[in-house]
N, C-alpha and C. Protein backbone atom coordinates (compact mmCIF):
# COMPACT_ATOMS: atom_id res chain seq x y z
N ILE A 1 13.40 -15.66 25.11
CA ILE A 1 14.69 -16.32 24.97
C ILE A 1 15.73 -15.34 24.42
N TYR A 2 15.31 -14.55 23.46
CA TYR A 2 16.22 -13.58 22.86
C TYR A 2 16.69 -12.59 23.92
N ASP A 3 15.75 -12.00 24.61
CA ASP A 3 16.07 -11.01 25.63
C ASP A 3 16.92 -11.63 26.74
N ARG A 4 16.56 -12.83 27.14
CA ARG A 4 17.32 -13.53 28.19
C ARG A 4 18.75 -13.79 27.73
N THR A 5 18.91 -14.13 26.47
CA THR A 5 20.24 -14.38 25.91
C THR A 5 21.10 -13.12 25.99
N ILE A 6 20.54 -12.00 25.57
CA ILE A 6 21.30 -10.75 25.57
C ILE A 6 21.64 -10.33 27.01
N SER A 7 20.66 -10.40 27.89
CA SER A 7 20.90 -9.94 29.27
C SER A 7 21.87 -10.85 30.03
N THR A 8 21.75 -12.17 29.85
CA THR A 8 22.67 -13.07 30.56
C THR A 8 24.06 -13.03 29.95
N PHE A 9 24.14 -12.76 28.65
CA PHE A 9 25.44 -12.61 28.01
C PHE A 9 26.14 -11.37 28.54
N SER A 10 25.39 -10.28 28.71
CA SER A 10 26.01 -9.04 29.21
C SER A 10 26.51 -9.21 30.64
N LYS A 11 25.87 -10.10 31.39
CA LYS A 11 26.30 -10.36 32.77
C LYS A 11 27.32 -11.50 32.84
N GLU A 12 27.64 -12.06 31.67
CA GLU A 12 28.56 -13.19 31.55
C GLU A 12 28.14 -14.35 32.46
N ASN A 13 26.84 -14.62 32.45
CA ASN A 13 26.28 -15.69 33.27
C ASN A 13 26.12 -16.94 32.40
N ARG A 14 27.14 -17.76 32.43
CA ARG A 14 27.21 -18.97 31.61
C ARG A 14 26.05 -19.92 31.91
N LYS A 15 25.74 -20.07 33.18
CA LYS A 15 24.70 -21.02 33.61
C LYS A 15 23.33 -20.63 33.05
N LYS A 16 22.97 -19.36 33.19
CA LYS A 16 21.66 -18.90 32.69
C LYS A 16 21.62 -18.88 31.17
N LEU A 17 22.75 -18.60 30.56
CA LEU A 17 22.80 -18.62 29.10
C LEU A 17 22.63 -20.04 28.58
N LYS A 18 23.17 -21.00 29.31
CA LYS A 18 22.98 -22.40 28.93
C LYS A 18 21.51 -22.80 29.06
N LYS A 19 20.83 -22.28 30.08
CA LYS A 19 19.40 -22.55 30.24
C LYS A 19 18.60 -21.96 29.07
N ALA A 20 18.98 -20.76 28.65
CA ALA A 20 18.31 -20.13 27.50
C ALA A 20 18.52 -20.97 26.25
N TYR A 21 19.72 -21.51 26.10
CA TYR A 21 20.03 -22.37 24.95
C TYR A 21 19.18 -23.64 24.99
N LYS A 22 19.05 -24.24 26.16
CA LYS A 22 18.22 -25.45 26.28
C LYS A 22 16.75 -25.14 25.97
N LEU A 23 16.28 -24.01 26.43
CA LEU A 23 14.91 -23.60 26.16
C LEU A 23 14.71 -23.36 24.67
N GLN A 24 15.69 -22.74 24.03
CA GLN A 24 15.61 -22.52 22.59
C GLN A 24 15.55 -23.86 21.85
N LYS A 25 16.34 -24.82 22.29
CA LYS A 25 16.31 -26.15 21.65
C LYS A 25 14.95 -26.81 21.82
N ALA A 26 14.32 -26.64 22.98
CA ALA A 26 13.00 -27.23 23.22
C ALA A 26 11.94 -26.58 22.32
N ILE A 27 12.01 -25.28 22.16
CA ILE A 27 11.06 -24.60 21.29
C ILE A 27 11.29 -25.00 19.83
N SER A 28 12.53 -25.15 19.46
CA SER A 28 12.84 -25.58 18.11
C SER A 28 12.28 -26.98 17.85
N LYS A 29 12.41 -27.84 18.83
CA LYS A 29 11.86 -29.20 18.69
C LYS A 29 10.34 -29.16 18.56
N LYS A 30 9.71 -28.31 19.35
CA LYS A 30 8.26 -28.19 19.28
C LYS A 30 7.81 -27.70 17.91
N SER A 31 8.51 -26.72 17.36
CA SER A 31 8.14 -26.22 16.03
C SER A 31 8.39 -27.29 14.97
N LYS A 32 9.44 -28.08 15.16
CA LYS A 32 9.71 -29.18 14.23
C LYS A 32 8.61 -30.23 14.31
N ASP A 33 8.16 -30.53 15.52
CA ASP A 33 7.08 -31.51 15.70
C ASP A 33 5.79 -31.02 15.04
N LEU A 34 5.49 -29.73 15.18
CA LEU A 34 4.31 -29.17 14.52
C LEU A 34 4.42 -29.33 13.01
N LYS A 35 5.58 -29.05 12.49
CA LYS A 35 5.80 -29.17 11.06
C LYS A 35 5.69 -30.63 10.61
N ASN A 36 6.22 -31.53 11.41
CA ASN A 36 6.14 -32.95 11.07
C ASN A 36 4.71 -33.50 11.15
N ASP A 37 3.87 -32.87 11.95
CA ASP A 37 2.48 -33.31 12.11
C ASP A 37 1.52 -32.57 11.19
N VAL A 38 2.04 -31.84 10.22
CA VAL A 38 1.20 -31.03 9.35
C VAL A 38 0.16 -31.89 8.62
N TYR A 39 0.53 -33.10 8.23
CA TYR A 39 -0.39 -33.98 7.51
C TYR A 39 -1.62 -34.29 8.36
N LYS A 40 -1.37 -34.70 9.60
CA LYS A 40 -2.49 -35.03 10.50
C LYS A 40 -3.34 -33.81 10.80
N THR A 41 -2.70 -32.68 10.96
CA THR A 41 -3.43 -31.45 11.28
C THR A 41 -4.33 -31.04 10.12
N ILE A 42 -3.80 -31.09 8.92
CA ILE A 42 -4.61 -30.72 7.75
C ILE A 42 -5.76 -31.69 7.57
N GLU A 43 -5.51 -32.96 7.83
CA GLU A 43 -6.59 -33.94 7.76
C GLU A 43 -7.74 -33.60 8.71
N SER A 44 -7.41 -33.00 9.84
CA SER A 44 -8.43 -32.69 10.85
C SER A 44 -9.22 -31.41 10.53
N PHE A 45 -8.76 -30.62 9.55
CA PHE A 45 -9.49 -29.41 9.18
C PHE A 45 -10.88 -29.78 8.66
N LYS A 46 -11.84 -28.95 8.98
CA LYS A 46 -13.20 -29.16 8.51
C LYS A 46 -13.44 -28.28 7.28
N GLY A 47 -14.29 -28.74 6.38
CA GLY A 47 -14.63 -27.96 5.20
C GLY A 47 -13.56 -28.05 4.13
N ASP A 48 -13.62 -27.08 3.22
CA ASP A 48 -12.68 -27.04 2.08
C ASP A 48 -11.33 -26.51 2.58
N VAL A 49 -10.33 -27.38 2.57
CA VAL A 49 -9.01 -27.00 3.09
C VAL A 49 -8.10 -26.40 2.03
N LEU A 50 -8.53 -26.42 0.79
CA LEU A 50 -7.66 -25.91 -0.27
C LEU A 50 -7.37 -24.43 -0.13
N GLU A 51 -8.28 -23.69 0.49
CA GLU A 51 -8.06 -22.26 0.70
C GLU A 51 -7.20 -21.98 1.92
N SER A 52 -7.45 -22.68 3.02
CA SER A 52 -6.79 -22.34 4.28
C SER A 52 -5.51 -23.13 4.56
N ALA A 53 -5.42 -24.35 4.13
CA ALA A 53 -4.26 -25.20 4.46
C ALA A 53 -2.92 -24.62 4.01
N PRO A 54 -2.83 -24.04 2.81
CA PRO A 54 -1.52 -23.47 2.42
C PRO A 54 -1.04 -22.38 3.38
N TYR A 55 -1.97 -21.60 3.92
CA TYR A 55 -1.58 -20.56 4.87
C TYR A 55 -1.10 -21.17 6.18
N TYR A 56 -1.75 -22.25 6.58
CA TYR A 56 -1.32 -22.94 7.80
C TYR A 56 0.11 -23.47 7.63
N VAL A 57 0.39 -24.05 6.47
CA VAL A 57 1.73 -24.56 6.18
C VAL A 57 2.74 -23.42 6.20
N GLN A 58 2.36 -22.28 5.64
CA GLN A 58 3.25 -21.10 5.67
C GLN A 58 3.53 -20.65 7.09
N VAL A 59 2.50 -20.64 7.93
CA VAL A 59 2.68 -20.26 9.33
C VAL A 59 3.74 -21.15 9.97
N LEU A 60 3.63 -22.45 9.74
CA LEU A 60 4.60 -23.38 10.32
C LEU A 60 6.00 -23.17 9.74
N ASP A 61 6.07 -22.89 8.45
CA ASP A 61 7.38 -22.63 7.83
C ASP A 61 8.05 -21.42 8.46
N TYR A 62 7.30 -20.34 8.63
CA TYR A 62 7.88 -19.13 9.23
C TYR A 62 8.23 -19.36 10.70
N LEU A 63 7.42 -20.13 11.38
CA LEU A 63 7.73 -20.45 12.77
C LEU A 63 9.05 -21.21 12.85
N ARG A 64 9.26 -22.14 11.96
CA ARG A 64 10.53 -22.89 11.92
C ARG A 64 11.70 -21.95 11.62
N GLU A 65 11.50 -21.05 10.69
CA GLU A 65 12.57 -20.10 10.34
C GLU A 65 12.92 -19.20 11.52
N ILE A 66 11.91 -18.78 12.27
CA ILE A 66 12.15 -17.95 13.46
C ILE A 66 12.97 -18.73 14.48
N THR A 67 12.61 -19.99 14.70
CA THR A 67 13.37 -20.79 15.68
C THR A 67 14.79 -21.04 15.20
N HIS A 68 14.98 -21.18 13.88
CA HIS A 68 16.34 -21.33 13.35
C HIS A 68 17.15 -20.06 13.59
N ALA A 69 16.55 -18.91 13.29
CA ALA A 69 17.26 -17.64 13.48
C ALA A 69 17.59 -17.45 14.97
N LEU A 70 16.65 -17.80 15.82
CA LEU A 70 16.90 -17.68 17.27
C LEU A 70 18.06 -18.59 17.68
N HIS A 71 18.11 -19.77 17.10
CA HIS A 71 19.22 -20.69 17.38
C HIS A 71 20.56 -20.02 17.04
N PHE A 72 20.58 -19.30 15.91
CA PHE A 72 21.82 -18.67 15.47
C PHE A 72 22.14 -17.38 16.20
N VAL A 73 21.30 -17.02 17.15
CA VAL A 73 21.62 -15.97 18.11
C VAL A 73 22.13 -16.61 19.40
N VAL A 74 21.38 -17.58 19.90
CA VAL A 74 21.66 -18.16 21.22
C VAL A 74 22.92 -19.02 21.22
N LYS A 75 23.04 -19.94 20.28
CA LYS A 75 24.16 -20.89 20.28
C LYS A 75 25.51 -20.19 20.12
N PRO A 76 25.69 -19.32 19.12
CA PRO A 76 26.99 -18.64 19.01
C PRO A 76 27.31 -17.75 20.22
N THR A 77 26.27 -17.16 20.80
CA THR A 77 26.49 -16.33 21.99
C THR A 77 26.97 -17.19 23.15
N PHE A 78 26.31 -18.32 23.33
CA PHE A 78 26.75 -19.25 24.38
C PHE A 78 28.17 -19.74 24.12
N ASP A 79 28.44 -20.13 22.88
CA ASP A 79 29.79 -20.61 22.54
C ASP A 79 30.85 -19.54 22.78
N HIS A 80 30.53 -18.30 22.43
CA HIS A 80 31.47 -17.18 22.62
C HIS A 80 31.82 -17.06 24.10
N LEU A 81 30.81 -17.07 24.95
CA LEU A 81 31.04 -16.94 26.39
C LEU A 81 31.73 -18.19 26.94
N ASN A 82 31.29 -19.33 26.49
CA ASN A 82 31.84 -20.60 26.98
C ASN A 82 33.32 -20.77 26.59
N ASN A 83 33.71 -20.18 25.47
CA ASN A 83 35.10 -20.27 25.01
C ASN A 83 35.97 -19.14 25.55
N ASN A 84 35.41 -18.38 26.49
CA ASN A 84 36.14 -17.30 27.17
C ASN A 84 36.67 -16.23 26.23
N HIS A 85 35.92 -15.96 25.15
CA HIS A 85 36.29 -14.84 24.29
C HIS A 85 35.95 -13.54 25.00
N LYS A 86 36.58 -12.46 24.56
CA LYS A 86 36.32 -11.16 25.18
C LYS A 86 34.85 -10.79 25.04
N PRO A 87 34.28 -10.24 26.12
CA PRO A 87 32.87 -9.81 26.04
C PRO A 87 32.73 -8.58 25.16
N PHE A 88 31.49 -8.25 24.85
CA PHE A 88 31.22 -7.03 24.11
C PHE A 88 31.58 -5.82 24.96
N ILE A 89 31.78 -4.70 24.28
CA ILE A 89 31.99 -3.45 25.00
C ILE A 89 30.61 -2.87 25.34
N GLN A 90 30.59 -1.90 26.23
CA GLN A 90 29.33 -1.36 26.72
C GLN A 90 28.44 -0.80 25.60
N GLU A 91 29.04 -0.14 24.63
CA GLU A 91 28.26 0.40 23.50
C GLU A 91 27.49 -0.70 22.78
N GLN A 92 28.15 -1.84 22.59
CA GLN A 92 27.48 -2.95 21.91
C GLN A 92 26.31 -3.46 22.74
N PHE A 93 26.54 -3.61 24.05
CA PHE A 93 25.45 -4.07 24.90
C PHE A 93 24.30 -3.07 24.93
N ASN A 94 24.62 -1.79 24.93
CA ASN A 94 23.57 -0.76 24.90
C ASN A 94 22.73 -0.89 23.63
N GLU A 95 23.40 -1.10 22.50
CA GLU A 95 22.68 -1.26 21.24
C GLU A 95 21.84 -2.53 21.24
N LEU A 96 22.43 -3.63 21.73
CA LEU A 96 21.67 -4.89 21.76
C LEU A 96 20.48 -4.82 22.71
N ASN A 97 20.64 -4.14 23.83
CA ASN A 97 19.51 -3.98 24.74
C ASN A 97 18.39 -3.17 24.10
N ALA A 98 18.76 -2.13 23.37
CA ALA A 98 17.76 -1.32 22.65
C ALA A 98 17.08 -2.16 21.56
N ILE A 99 17.87 -2.94 20.84
CA ILE A 99 17.32 -3.82 19.80
C ILE A 99 16.38 -4.83 20.43
N SER A 100 16.78 -5.42 21.54
CA SER A 100 15.94 -6.39 22.22
C SER A 100 14.61 -5.77 22.64
N SER A 101 14.65 -4.57 23.16
CA SER A 101 13.41 -3.86 23.56
C SER A 101 12.51 -3.62 22.35
N LYS A 102 13.11 -3.18 21.25
CA LYS A 102 12.33 -2.92 20.04
C LYS A 102 11.76 -4.22 19.47
N LEU A 103 12.54 -5.29 19.53
CA LEU A 103 12.06 -6.59 19.05
C LEU A 103 10.90 -7.08 19.90
N ILE A 104 11.02 -6.96 21.20
CA ILE A 104 9.94 -7.40 22.10
C ILE A 104 8.68 -6.59 21.85
N GLN A 105 8.82 -5.29 21.68
CA GLN A 105 7.66 -4.44 21.38
C GLN A 105 7.00 -4.88 20.07
N PHE A 106 7.81 -5.12 19.06
CA PHE A 106 7.32 -5.57 17.76
C PHE A 106 6.59 -6.91 17.89
N LEU A 107 7.22 -7.87 18.55
CA LEU A 107 6.61 -9.20 18.70
C LEU A 107 5.35 -9.15 19.54
N ASN A 108 5.35 -8.34 20.59
CA ASN A 108 4.15 -8.21 21.43
C ASN A 108 2.99 -7.62 20.65
N SER A 109 3.27 -6.70 19.74
CA SER A 109 2.18 -6.14 18.93
C SER A 109 1.60 -7.20 18.00
N ILE A 110 2.46 -8.08 17.49
CA ILE A 110 1.98 -9.19 16.66
C ILE A 110 1.16 -10.16 17.49
N ILE A 111 1.69 -10.55 18.64
CA ILE A 111 0.99 -11.50 19.51
C ILE A 111 -0.37 -10.95 19.91
N ASP A 112 -0.41 -9.68 20.28
CA ASP A 112 -1.67 -9.05 20.69
C ASP A 112 -2.68 -9.06 19.54
N ALA A 113 -2.24 -8.71 18.35
CA ALA A 113 -3.14 -8.68 17.19
C ALA A 113 -3.66 -10.08 16.87
N VAL A 114 -2.80 -11.09 16.95
CA VAL A 114 -3.22 -12.47 16.65
C VAL A 114 -4.20 -12.96 17.71
N LYS A 115 -3.90 -12.72 18.98
CA LYS A 115 -4.81 -13.16 20.05
C LYS A 115 -6.20 -12.56 19.90
N LYS A 116 -6.25 -11.29 19.47
CA LYS A 116 -7.53 -10.59 19.34
C LYS A 116 -8.15 -10.74 17.95
N ASP A 117 -7.46 -11.45 17.06
CA ASP A 117 -7.89 -11.56 15.66
C ASP A 117 -8.13 -10.18 15.05
N GLU A 118 -7.23 -9.25 15.35
CA GLU A 118 -7.32 -7.89 14.82
C GLU A 118 -6.14 -7.66 13.88
N PHE A 119 -6.41 -7.84 12.61
CA PHE A 119 -5.34 -7.78 11.62
C PHE A 119 -5.34 -6.46 10.84
N GLU A 120 -6.23 -5.53 11.21
CA GLU A 120 -6.31 -4.26 10.50
C GLU A 120 -5.14 -3.34 10.85
N ASN A 121 -4.55 -3.53 12.00
CA ASN A 121 -3.52 -2.63 12.51
C ASN A 121 -2.12 -2.99 11.96
N ILE A 122 -2.10 -3.50 10.77
CA ILE A 122 -0.83 -3.96 10.20
C ILE A 122 0.15 -2.81 9.97
N ASP A 123 -0.35 -1.61 9.72
CA ASP A 123 0.55 -0.47 9.49
C ASP A 123 1.42 -0.20 10.71
N TYR A 124 0.81 -0.28 11.90
CA TYR A 124 1.58 -0.07 13.13
C TYR A 124 2.67 -1.13 13.26
N ILE A 125 2.32 -2.36 12.95
CA ILE A 125 3.28 -3.47 13.06
C ILE A 125 4.40 -3.31 12.04
N VAL A 126 4.06 -2.95 10.82
CA VAL A 126 5.07 -2.74 9.78
C VAL A 126 5.99 -1.59 10.17
N ASN A 127 5.43 -0.52 10.70
CA ASN A 127 6.26 0.63 11.14
C ASN A 127 7.17 0.23 12.29
N SER A 128 6.65 -0.58 13.19
CA SER A 128 7.46 -1.06 14.32
C SER A 128 8.63 -1.91 13.81
N GLN A 129 8.35 -2.75 12.82
CA GLN A 129 9.41 -3.57 12.23
C GLN A 129 10.44 -2.69 11.53
N GLN A 130 9.98 -1.69 10.79
CA GLN A 130 10.90 -0.82 10.07
C GLN A 130 11.79 -0.04 11.03
N ASN A 131 11.22 0.39 12.14
CA ASN A 131 11.98 1.08 13.18
C ASN A 131 13.09 0.17 13.71
N LEU A 132 12.75 -1.08 13.94
CA LEU A 132 13.73 -2.07 14.41
C LEU A 132 14.82 -2.29 13.37
N ILE A 133 14.43 -2.48 12.13
CA ILE A 133 15.40 -2.73 11.06
C ILE A 133 16.32 -1.53 10.87
N ASP A 134 15.76 -0.33 10.93
CA ASP A 134 16.59 0.88 10.82
C ASP A 134 17.62 0.94 11.94
N PHE A 135 17.19 0.58 13.15
CA PHE A 135 18.11 0.59 14.29
C PHE A 135 19.20 -0.47 14.11
N ILE A 136 18.82 -1.63 13.61
CA ILE A 136 19.80 -2.70 13.34
C ILE A 136 20.81 -2.23 12.31
N ASP A 137 20.33 -1.62 11.24
CA ASP A 137 21.23 -1.12 10.19
C ASP A 137 22.18 -0.07 10.74
N ASN A 138 21.69 0.79 11.61
CA ASN A 138 22.53 1.80 12.24
C ASN A 138 23.57 1.15 13.16
N SER A 139 23.16 0.12 13.88
CA SER A 139 24.10 -0.61 14.75
C SER A 139 25.19 -1.29 13.93
N ARG A 140 24.82 -1.77 12.76
CA ARG A 140 25.81 -2.39 11.86
C ARG A 140 26.85 -1.35 11.45
N LYS A 141 26.39 -0.15 11.11
CA LYS A 141 27.32 0.93 10.75
C LYS A 141 28.22 1.30 11.94
N ASN A 142 27.63 1.35 13.13
CA ASN A 142 28.42 1.63 14.33
C ASN A 142 29.49 0.57 14.54
N GLN A 143 29.14 -0.68 14.28
CA GLN A 143 30.10 -1.77 14.45
C GLN A 143 31.23 -1.65 13.44
N ILE A 144 30.91 -1.26 12.23
CA ILE A 144 31.95 -1.07 11.22
C ILE A 144 32.91 0.04 11.66
N LYS A 145 32.37 1.11 12.24
CA LYS A 145 33.22 2.18 12.77
C LYS A 145 34.11 1.64 13.89
N ARG A 146 33.53 0.81 14.76
CA ARG A 146 34.33 0.23 15.87
C ARG A 146 35.45 -0.65 15.32
N ILE A 147 35.17 -1.39 14.26
CA ILE A 147 36.20 -2.23 13.63
C ILE A 147 37.31 -1.34 13.06
N LYS A 148 36.90 -0.30 12.33
CA LYS A 148 37.88 0.60 11.72
C LYS A 148 38.74 1.28 12.78
N ASN A 149 38.15 1.59 13.94
CA ASN A 149 38.88 2.26 15.02
C ASN A 149 39.59 1.27 15.95
N LYS A 150 39.54 -0.02 15.59
CA LYS A 150 40.21 -1.09 16.36
C LYS A 150 39.74 -1.14 17.82
N GLU A 151 38.44 -0.86 18.02
CA GLU A 151 37.85 -0.93 19.37
C GLU A 151 37.42 -2.35 19.72
N VAL A 152 37.23 -3.17 18.68
CA VAL A 152 36.74 -4.54 18.88
C VAL A 152 37.54 -5.50 18.01
N GLY A 153 37.54 -6.77 18.43
CA GLY A 153 38.29 -7.79 17.71
C GLY A 153 37.42 -8.57 16.72
N THR A 154 38.05 -9.55 16.10
CA THR A 154 37.39 -10.34 15.06
C THR A 154 36.24 -11.16 15.60
N LYS A 155 36.47 -11.95 16.66
CA LYS A 155 35.42 -12.81 17.22
C LYS A 155 34.24 -11.98 17.69
N ASN A 156 34.56 -10.88 18.35
CA ASN A 156 33.54 -9.96 18.84
C ASN A 156 32.69 -9.45 17.67
N SER A 157 33.35 -9.02 16.63
CA SER A 157 32.65 -8.45 15.47
C SER A 157 31.80 -9.48 14.75
N LEU A 158 32.35 -10.66 14.57
CA LEU A 158 31.58 -11.71 13.90
C LEU A 158 30.31 -12.04 14.66
N LEU A 159 30.42 -12.18 15.97
CA LEU A 159 29.24 -12.49 16.79
C LEU A 159 28.24 -11.35 16.75
N PHE A 160 28.72 -10.12 16.93
CA PHE A 160 27.81 -8.97 16.95
C PHE A 160 27.06 -8.84 15.62
N LEU A 161 27.79 -8.91 14.52
CA LEU A 161 27.16 -8.79 13.21
C LEU A 161 26.19 -9.95 12.95
N ASN A 162 26.54 -11.13 13.42
CA ASN A 162 25.66 -12.29 13.29
C ASN A 162 24.36 -12.07 14.07
N ILE A 163 24.46 -11.57 15.29
CA ILE A 163 23.27 -11.31 16.10
C ILE A 163 22.38 -10.29 15.39
N LEU A 164 22.99 -9.25 14.82
CA LEU A 164 22.21 -8.25 14.11
C LEU A 164 21.46 -8.86 12.93
N GLN A 165 22.16 -9.68 12.15
CA GLN A 165 21.52 -10.28 10.97
C GLN A 165 20.40 -11.24 11.38
N GLU A 166 20.63 -12.06 12.37
CA GLU A 166 19.60 -13.02 12.78
C GLU A 166 18.41 -12.31 13.43
N THR A 167 18.66 -11.20 14.09
CA THR A 167 17.56 -10.42 14.66
C THR A 167 16.71 -9.84 13.53
N LYS A 168 17.37 -9.36 12.51
CA LYS A 168 16.65 -8.86 11.33
C LYS A 168 15.82 -9.98 10.71
N ASN A 169 16.41 -11.17 10.61
CA ASN A 169 15.68 -12.33 10.07
C ASN A 169 14.45 -12.65 10.93
N ILE A 170 14.62 -12.62 12.25
CA ILE A 170 13.49 -12.88 13.15
C ILE A 170 12.36 -11.89 12.87
N SER A 171 12.71 -10.63 12.69
CA SER A 171 11.66 -9.63 12.45
C SER A 171 10.99 -9.85 11.09
N LEU A 172 11.76 -10.19 10.08
CA LEU A 172 11.18 -10.43 8.75
C LEU A 172 10.27 -11.65 8.76
N TYR A 173 10.74 -12.75 9.34
CA TYR A 173 9.92 -13.97 9.41
C TYR A 173 8.69 -13.77 10.28
N SER A 174 8.82 -12.96 11.32
CA SER A 174 7.69 -12.72 12.22
C SER A 174 6.58 -11.96 11.51
N LEU A 175 6.95 -10.96 10.72
CA LEU A 175 5.93 -10.23 9.98
C LEU A 175 5.27 -11.14 8.94
N ASN A 176 6.07 -11.97 8.29
CA ASN A 176 5.51 -12.91 7.32
C ASN A 176 4.59 -13.93 8.00
N LEU A 177 4.98 -14.37 9.17
CA LEU A 177 4.14 -15.28 9.94
C LEU A 177 2.81 -14.60 10.28
N PHE A 178 2.88 -13.35 10.72
CA PHE A 178 1.67 -12.58 11.03
C PHE A 178 0.74 -12.51 9.82
N LYS A 179 1.29 -12.19 8.66
CA LYS A 179 0.48 -12.07 7.45
C LYS A 179 -0.12 -13.42 7.06
N SER A 180 0.66 -14.49 7.21
CA SER A 180 0.13 -15.82 6.89
C SER A 180 -0.96 -16.23 7.88
N GLN A 181 -0.77 -15.88 9.14
CA GLN A 181 -1.81 -16.16 10.15
C GLN A 181 -3.08 -15.39 9.81
N ARG A 182 -2.94 -14.14 9.44
CA ARG A 182 -4.09 -13.32 9.03
C ARG A 182 -4.81 -13.98 7.85
N ASP A 183 -4.05 -14.39 6.85
CA ASP A 183 -4.65 -15.01 5.66
C ASP A 183 -5.31 -16.34 6.01
N PHE A 184 -4.68 -17.09 6.91
CA PHE A 184 -5.24 -18.37 7.35
C PHE A 184 -6.59 -18.14 8.03
N ILE A 185 -6.65 -17.20 8.97
CA ILE A 185 -7.88 -16.91 9.69
C ILE A 185 -8.95 -16.41 8.73
N GLN A 186 -8.58 -15.49 7.85
CA GLN A 186 -9.55 -14.94 6.91
C GLN A 186 -10.07 -16.00 5.93
N SER A 187 -9.21 -16.93 5.55
CA SER A 187 -9.66 -17.99 4.64
C SER A 187 -10.59 -18.96 5.37
N GLN A 188 -10.38 -19.16 6.64
CA GLN A 188 -11.26 -20.03 7.43
C GLN A 188 -12.63 -19.39 7.58
N ILE A 189 -12.66 -18.06 7.76
CA ILE A 189 -13.92 -17.34 7.89
C ILE A 189 -14.70 -17.43 6.58
N SER A 190 -13.98 -17.27 5.46
CA SER A 190 -14.66 -17.30 4.17
C SER A 190 -15.11 -18.72 3.80
N ASP A 191 -14.43 -19.74 4.38
CA ASP A 191 -14.84 -21.13 4.14
C ASP A 191 -16.12 -21.48 4.91
N GLY A 192 -16.44 -20.65 5.88
CA GLY A 192 -17.68 -20.86 6.61
C GLY A 192 -17.47 -21.48 7.92
């Protein structure tokens, strides 16, 4: 959804961006439903749940936070395009495309580790996240230079800086979700 948002925004494709927004809303609803069903899910756990259940709740909390951050990327981007504000300049799109690639790489490494129950490779994941965050911080500095040089306007800057911050939030919550998932799995193994 994130990558689709950035790419359809760069093409100024309102229709596809609206589809990405609807998909984001559906995922947000699903994460909310999971959170609302936490009581029933914990009841269904076998064995001593005092060790593993808190990690499961944390996983759901971080999942909700990720969907919230994604919402604050997709919705303002759609609104910006829908309100016919000036699009980003090419430099901004280049930076966002690079950020999107780094985010996808980071998330795929997390997904791969979780699917394989391989949590030892956390250093690679942390380094991938740090690389992304460093790039985001550099993009923020570039945007400040663009503002100072009057290359971009207020609406443009607010949206760009917002996307950077929410992307950083997605990466932070994703790593925390990964760690909570690891702890959840390990606590289930130790519970027998």
